[in-house]
C-alpha cells in the first residue's frame, strides 16, 4: 500500500485552546498534536457527509436483554425489513441475560440513523450506538450478477 503523502500546515490558536488540546491528547492517548487534530478534522468531515445524506458504512452496536420474550423475533424482523442496509451481523452472549450484537450497515446516512432509532425503540434494548464512517464497501460480485440479470 503506498504511503500517504503528508503536508505541513501552521496554525495559530488561543493559549486556552492549545491547553485544552494538550489535555485531550493525554486523555485520548494521542501520540501527537498532529494526530489529534487530524482525527478531529476527520470526525468533522464525517459529520458533514452524514448531514449531506451521503452513502456511508457504519456499525450499529446493540446491548439487549433476553428476558423480553419477543425481542429476538423483533430484531430479526427489523434486520429482514432493512436487508439492503444490514450487510452482516454478529452477536455474542455476555451472560445469562445479555447479548451484544454488532451489525455492519451501508446506505444513506439518514436511513442508517432511522434504522438505529427503530432498534433503539425496541423493548429490551439497553444500549445502541451507531458509528458512521466515510467509506463505502465494494460491490459484491454475486449481487452485480443478480442485478445484471434483472435488468
C-alpha atoms as a PDB file:
ATOM      1  CA  UNK A   1       0.000   0.000   0.000  1.00  0.00           C
ATOM      2  CA  UNK A   2       1.520   3.359  -0.980  1.00  0.00           C
ATOM      3  CA  UNK A   3       2.402   5.700   1.851  1.00  0.00           C
ATOM      4  CA  UNK A   4       0.052   8.676   2.298  1.00  0.00           C
ATOM      5  CA  UNK A   5       1.632  11.953   1.266  1.00  0.00           C
ATOM      6  CA  UNK A   6       1.680  14.423   4.138  1.00  0.00           C
ATOM      7  CA  UNK A   7       1.536  18.212   4.029  1.00  0.00           C
ATOM      8  CA  UNK A   8       2.649  20.590   6.752  1.00  0.00           C
ATOM      9  CA  UNK A   9       0.461  23.453   7.980  1.00  0.00           C
ATOM     10  CA  UNK A  10       0.888  26.051  10.680  1.00  0.00           C
ATOM     11  CA  UNK A  11      -1.979  27.387  12.785  1.00  0.00           C
ATOM     12  CA  UNK A  12      -2.316  29.993  15.492  1.00  0.00           C
ATOM     13  CA  UNK A  13      -4.762  29.340  18.324  1.00  0.00           C
ATOM     14  CA  UNK A  14      -5.519  30.940  21.675  1.00  0.00           C
ATOM     15  CA  UNK A  15      -3.419  29.561  24.521  1.00  0.00           C
ATOM     16  CA  UNK A  16      -6.535  28.248  26.289  1.00  0.00           C
ATOM     17  CA  UNK A  17      -7.433  26.258  23.156  1.00  0.00           C
ATOM     18  CA  UNK A  18      -3.922  24.811  22.991  1.00  0.00           C
ATOM     19  CA  UNK A  19      -4.076  23.834  26.676  1.00  0.00           C
ATOM     20  CA  UNK A  20      -7.432  22.126  26.119  1.00  0.00           C
ATOM     21  CA  UNK A  21      -5.992  20.286  23.096  1.00  0.00           C
ATOM     22  CA  UNK A  22      -2.989  19.112  25.113  1.00  0.00           C
ATOM     23  CA  UNK A  23      -5.341  17.807  27.830  1.00  0.00           C
ATOM     24  CA  UNK A  24      -7.352  15.931  25.187  1.00  0.00           C
ATOM     25  CA  UNK A  25      -4.137  14.419  23.787  1.00  0.00           C
ATOM     26  CA  UNK A  26      -3.303  12.992  27.219  1.00  0.00           C
ATOM     27  CA  UNK A  27      -6.879  11.798  27.883  1.00  0.00           C
ATOM     28  CA  UNK A  28      -7.276  10.154  24.473  1.00  0.00           C
ATOM     29  CA  UNK A  29      -3.699   8.807  24.313  1.00  0.00           C
ATOM     30  CA  UNK A  30      -2.822  10.506  21.037  1.00  0.00           C
ATOM     31  CA  UNK A  31       0.826  10.321  20.039  1.00  0.00           C
ATOM     32  CA  UNK A  32       0.982  13.960  18.934  1.00  0.00           C
ATOM     33  CA  UNK A  33      -0.946  17.158  18.391  1.00  0.00           C
ATOM     34  CA  UNK A  34      -0.959  16.404  14.670  1.00  0.00           C
ATOM     35  CA  UNK A  35      -2.639  13.046  15.213  1.00  0.00           C
ATOM     36  CA  UNK A  36      -5.281  14.625  17.460  1.00  0.00           C
ATOM     37  CA  UNK A  37      -6.013  17.450  15.030  1.00  0.00           C
ATOM     38  CA  UNK A  38      -6.246  15.083  12.039  1.00  0.00           C
ATOM     39  CA  UNK A  39      -8.666  12.884  13.999  1.00  0.00           C
ATOM     40  CA  UNK A  40     -10.832  15.893  14.902  1.00  0.00           C
ATOM     41  CA  UNK A  41     -10.863  17.101  11.292  1.00  0.00           C
ATOM     42  CA  UNK A  42     -11.822  13.626  10.051  1.00  0.00           C
ATOM     43  CA  UNK A  43     -14.687  13.421  12.560  1.00  0.00           C
ATOM     44  CA  UNK A  44     -15.918  16.823  11.386  1.00  0.00           C
ATOM     45  CA  UNK A  45     -15.758  15.727   7.726  1.00  0.00           C
ATOM     46  CA  UNK A  46     -17.659  12.515   8.514  1.00  0.00           C
ATOM     47  CA  UNK A  47     -20.351  14.530  10.316  1.00  0.00           C
ATOM     48  CA  UNK A  48     -20.580  16.792   7.256  1.00  0.00           C
ATOM     49  CA  UNK A  49     -21.050  13.773   4.946  1.00  0.00           C
ATOM     50  CA  UNK A  50     -23.777  12.453   7.226  1.00  0.00           C
ATOM     51  CA  UNK A  51     -25.558  15.828   7.132  1.00  0.00           C
ATOM     52  CA  UNK A  52     -25.474  15.719   3.319  1.00  0.00           C
ATOM     53  CA  UNK A  53     -27.118  12.253   3.438  1.00  0.00           C
ATOM     54  CA  UNK A  54     -24.315  10.508   1.561  1.00  0.00           C
ATOM     55  CA  UNK A  55     -23.908   6.744   1.314  1.00  0.00           C
ATOM     56  CA  UNK A  56     -21.732   5.604   4.202  1.00  0.00           C
ATOM     57  CA  UNK A  57     -20.800   2.470   6.092  1.00  0.00           C
ATOM     58  CA  UNK A  58     -21.346   2.081   9.774  1.00  0.00           C
ATOM     59  CA  UNK A  59     -21.570  -0.216  12.723  1.00  0.00           C
ATOM     60  CA  UNK A  60     -24.650  -0.492  14.873  1.00  0.00           C
ATOM     61  CA  UNK A  61     -23.847  -1.917  18.296  1.00  0.00           C
ATOM     62  CA  UNK A  62     -26.703  -3.187  20.445  1.00  0.00           C
ATOM     63  CA  UNK A  63     -26.787  -4.451  24.006  1.00  0.00           C
ATOM     64  CA  UNK A  64     -30.045  -6.172  24.816  1.00  0.00           C
ATOM     65  CA  UNK A  65     -31.755  -8.294  27.441  1.00  0.00           C
ATOM     66  CA  UNK A  66     -33.060 -11.755  26.621  1.00  0.00           C
ATOM     67  CA  UNK A  67     -35.822 -11.590  29.245  1.00  0.00           C
ATOM     68  CA  UNK A  68     -38.023  -9.781  26.702  1.00  0.00           C
ATOM     69  CA  UNK A  69     -39.855 -12.713  25.096  1.00  0.00           C
ATOM     70  CA  UNK A  70     -40.475 -11.161  21.684  1.00  0.00           C
ATOM     71  CA  UNK A  71     -37.248  -9.161  21.301  1.00  0.00           C
ATOM     72  CA  UNK A  72     -35.239 -11.697  19.282  1.00  0.00           C
ATOM     73  CA  UNK A  73     -38.049 -12.029  16.757  1.00  0.00           C
ATOM     74  CA  UNK A  74     -38.416  -8.249  16.504  1.00  0.00           C
ATOM     75  CA  UNK A  75     -34.650  -7.852  15.953  1.00  0.00           C
ATOM     76  CA  UNK A  76     -34.750 -10.500  13.219  1.00  0.00           C
ATOM     77  CA  UNK A  77     -37.758  -8.876  11.534  1.00  0.00           C
ATOM     78  CA  UNK A  78     -36.124  -5.424  11.556  1.00  0.00           C
ATOM     79  CA  UNK A  79     -32.945  -6.850  10.028  1.00  0.00           C
ATOM     80  CA  UNK A  80     -35.052  -8.505   7.333  1.00  0.00           C
ATOM     81  CA  UNK A  81     -37.002  -5.297   6.727  1.00  0.00           C
ATOM     82  CA  UNK A  82     -33.722  -3.442   6.112  1.00  0.00           C
ATOM     83  CA  UNK A  83     -31.844  -6.252   4.401  1.00  0.00           C
ATOM     84  CA  UNK A  84     -30.485  -3.842   1.767  1.00  0.00           C
ATOM     85  CA  UNK A  85     -28.724  -1.851   4.506  1.00  0.00           C
ATOM     86  CA  UNK A  86     -27.846  -4.612   7.013  1.00  0.00           C
ATOM     87  CA  UNK A  87     -24.847  -6.292   5.421  1.00  0.00           C
ATOM     88  CA  UNK A  88     -23.887  -8.574   8.280  1.00  0.00           C
ATOM     89  CA  UNK A  89     -24.400  -9.110  11.995  1.00  0.00           C
ATOM     90  CA  UNK A  90     -22.579 -10.860  14.792  1.00  0.00           C
ATOM     91  CA  UNK A  91     -23.842 -11.492  18.281  1.00  0.00           C
ATOM     92  CA  UNK A  92     -22.333 -12.919  21.429  1.00  0.00           C
ATOM     93  CA  UNK A  93     -23.984 -13.897  24.684  1.00  0.00           C
ATOM     94  CA  UNK A  94     -22.315 -11.966  27.516  1.00  0.00           C
ATOM     95  CA  UNK A  95     -24.108 -13.651  30.410  1.00  0.00           C
ATOM     96  CA  UNK A  96     -27.388 -15.439  31.121  1.00  0.00           C
ATOM     97  CA  UNK A  97     -29.476 -12.467  30.024  1.00  0.00           C
ATOM     98  CA  UNK A  98     -27.389 -10.028  27.968  1.00  0.00           C
ATOM     99  CA  UNK A  99     -26.461 -10.180  24.277  1.00  0.00           C
ATOM    100  CA  UNK A 100     -24.042  -7.875  22.450  1.00  0.00           C
ATOM    101  CA  UNK A 101     -24.787  -7.590  18.732  1.00  0.00           C
ATOM    102  CA  UNK A 102     -22.846  -5.670  16.107  1.00  0.00           C
ATOM    103  CA  UNK A 103     -24.308  -5.016  12.660  1.00  0.00           C
ATOM    104  CA  UNK A 104     -22.419  -3.791   9.626  1.00  0.00           C
ATOM    105  CA  UNK A 105     -24.573  -1.306   7.708  1.00  0.00           C
ATOM    106  CA  UNK A 106     -24.313   0.590   4.443  1.00  0.00           C
ATOM    107  CA  UNK A 107     -26.659   3.160   2.980  1.00  0.00           C
ATOM    108  CA  UNK A 108     -27.630   6.811   3.031  1.00  0.00           C
ATOM    109  CA  UNK A 109     -26.817   8.313   6.407  1.00  0.00           C
ATOM    110  CA  UNK A 110     -30.412   9.346   7.109  1.00  0.00           C
ATOM    111  CA  UNK A 111     -31.574   5.752   6.511  1.00  0.00           C
ATOM    112  CA  UNK A 112     -28.892   4.339   8.822  1.00  0.00           C
ATOM    113  CA  UNK A 113     -29.857   6.790  11.572  1.00  0.00           C
ATOM    114  CA  UNK A 114     -33.542   5.888  11.161  1.00  0.00           C
ATOM    115  CA  UNK A 115     -32.724   2.158  11.336  1.00  0.00           C
ATOM    116  CA  UNK A 116     -30.713   2.814  14.505  1.00  0.00           C
ATOM    117  CA  UNK A 117     -33.699   4.604  16.055  1.00  0.00           C
ATOM    118  CA  UNK A 118     -36.000   1.677  15.239  1.00  0.00           C
ATOM    119  CA  UNK A 119     -33.672  -0.725  17.072  1.00  0.00           C
ATOM    120  CA  UNK A 120     -33.376   1.719  19.987  1.00  0.00           C
ATOM    121  CA  UNK A 121     -37.171   1.806  20.389  1.00  0.00           C
ATOM    122  CA  UNK A 122     -37.497  -1.954  20.940  1.00  0.00           C
ATOM    123  CA  UNK A 123     -38.371  -3.015  24.491  1.00  0.00           C
ATOM    124  CA  UNK A 124     -35.433  -4.890  25.986  1.00  0.00           C
ATOM    125  CA  UNK A 125     -32.725  -2.997  24.097  1.00  0.00           C
ATOM    126  CA  UNK A 126     -30.438  -1.498  26.735  1.00  0.00           C
ATOM    127  CA  UNK A 127     -27.922   0.469  24.665  1.00  0.00           C
ATOM    128  CA  UNK A 128     -27.456   1.337  20.994  1.00  0.00           C
ATOM    129  CA  UNK A 129     -24.539   3.067  19.319  1.00  0.00           C
ATOM    130  CA  UNK A 130     -24.293   3.962  15.627  1.00  0.00           C
ATOM    131  CA  UNK A 131     -20.847   4.834  14.290  1.00  0.00           C
ATOM    132  CA  UNK A 132     -20.736   6.171  10.721  1.00  0.00           C
ATOM    133  CA  UNK A 133     -17.588   6.183   8.595  1.00  0.00           C
ATOM    134  CA  UNK A 134     -16.617   7.942   5.394  1.00  0.00           C
ATOM    135  CA  UNK A 135     -16.241   4.788   3.345  1.00  0.00           C
ATOM    136  CA  UNK A 136     -18.264   2.550   1.060  1.00  0.00           C
ATOM    137  CA  UNK A 137     -17.908  -1.194   0.676  1.00  0.00           C
ATOM    138  CA  UNK A 138     -17.044  -2.502  -2.766  1.00  0.00           C
ATOM    139  CA  UNK A 139     -19.909  -4.165  -4.623  1.00  0.00           C
ATOM    140  CA  UNK A 140     -20.240  -7.897  -4.051  1.00  0.00           C
ATOM    141  CA  UNK A 141     -19.733  -9.739  -7.354  1.00  0.00           C
ATOM    142  CA  UNK A 142     -22.716 -12.038  -6.759  1.00  0.00           C
ATOM    143  CA  UNK A 143     -25.012  -9.039  -6.309  1.00  0.00           C
ATOM    144  CA  UNK A 144     -23.738  -7.410  -9.503  1.00  0.00           C
ATOM    145  CA  UNK A 145     -24.508 -10.593 -11.482  1.00  0.00           C
ATOM    146  CA  UNK A 146     -28.019 -10.804  -9.999  1.00  0.00           C
ATOM    147  CA  UNK A 147     -28.688  -7.118 -10.742  1.00  0.00           C
ATOM    148  CA  UNK A 148     -27.458  -7.567 -14.330  1.00  0.00           C
ATOM    149  CA  UNK A 149     -29.829 -10.483 -14.827  1.00  0.00           C
ATOM    150  CA  UNK A 150     -32.786  -8.424 -13.574  1.00  0.00           C
ATOM    151  CA  UNK A 151     -32.128  -5.507 -15.958  1.00  0.00           C
END
